[in-house]
Amino acid sequence: MSKAQLMAFLAKAQASPDLQQRIDAAADASAVTALAREEGFLFSPASLARHLRG
């Protein structure tokens, strides 16, 4: 579930320049996950870090 939520959030971010700017301004992975939670997506900072590492 977490990975699906992460991928959905990233897809939304690609379609929304405003959201992408807010992600770029986030201080760290925890801030990005808090932003995602505000948008209705649930995933952990660790899931985000794993995705970014590839």
Protein backbone atom coordinates (compact mmCIF):
# COMPACT_ATOMS: atom_id res chain seq x y z
CA MET A 1 0.00 0.00 0.00
CA SER A 2 2.75 2.43 0.89
CA LYS A 3 4.49 2.07 -2.48
CA ALA A 4 1.21 2.56 -4.37
CA GLN A 5 0.50 5.70 -2.33
CA LEU A 6 4.01 7.00 -3.00
CA MET A 7 3.70 6.41 -6.74
CA ALA A 8 0.29 8.10 -6.84
CA PHE A 9 1.67 11.11 -4.97
CA LEU A 10 4.63 11.39 -7.35
CA ALA A 11 2.29 11.19 -10.34
CA LYS A 12 0.18 13.99 -8.87
CA ALA A 13 3.33 16.04 -8.27
CA GLN A 14 4.39 15.64 -11.91
CA ALA A 15 1.03 17.00 -13.00
CA SER A 16 1.06 19.93 -10.56
CA PRO A 17 3.84 22.54 -10.73
CA ASP A 18 2.60 24.05 -7.45
CA LEU A 19 2.87 20.75 -5.63
CA GLN A 20 6.29 20.11 -7.16
CA GLN A 21 7.52 23.48 -5.86
CA ARG A 22 6.26 22.63 -2.38
CA ILE A 23 8.10 19.29 -2.52
CA ASP A 24 11.29 21.00 -3.70
CA ALA A 25 11.04 23.43 -0.78
CA ALA A 26 10.58 20.64 1.79
CA ALA A 27 13.46 20.36 4.24
CA ASP A 28 13.66 16.57 4.32
CA ALA A 29 11.82 13.29 3.69
CA SER A 30 9.66 13.78 6.77
CA ALA A 31 8.49 17.14 5.44
CA VAL A 32 7.66 15.56 2.09
CA THR A 33 5.63 12.80 3.76
CA ALA A 34 3.79 15.42 5.84
CA LEU A 35 2.97 17.29 2.63
CA ALA A 36 1.78 14.05 1.05
CA ARG A 37 -0.42 13.38 4.08
CA GLU A 38 -2.02 16.81 3.61
CA GLU A 39 -2.77 15.78 0.02
CA GLY A 40 -4.32 12.47 1.17
CA PHE A 41 -1.40 10.10 0.54
CA LEU A 42 0.17 7.88 3.21
CA PHE A 43 3.72 6.56 3.01
CA SER A 44 6.75 6.64 5.26
CA PRO A 45 9.92 8.67 4.95
CA ALA A 46 11.73 5.33 4.60
CA SER A 47 9.59 4.41 1.58
CA LEU A 48 10.46 7.73 -0.02
CA ALA A 49 14.16 7.25 0.70
CA ARG A 50 14.11 3.73 -0.81
CA HIS A 51 12.41 5.08 -3.93
CA LEU A 52 14.95 7.89 -4.30
CA ARG A 53 17.86 5.47 -3.94
CA GLY A 54 16.42 3.39 -6.79
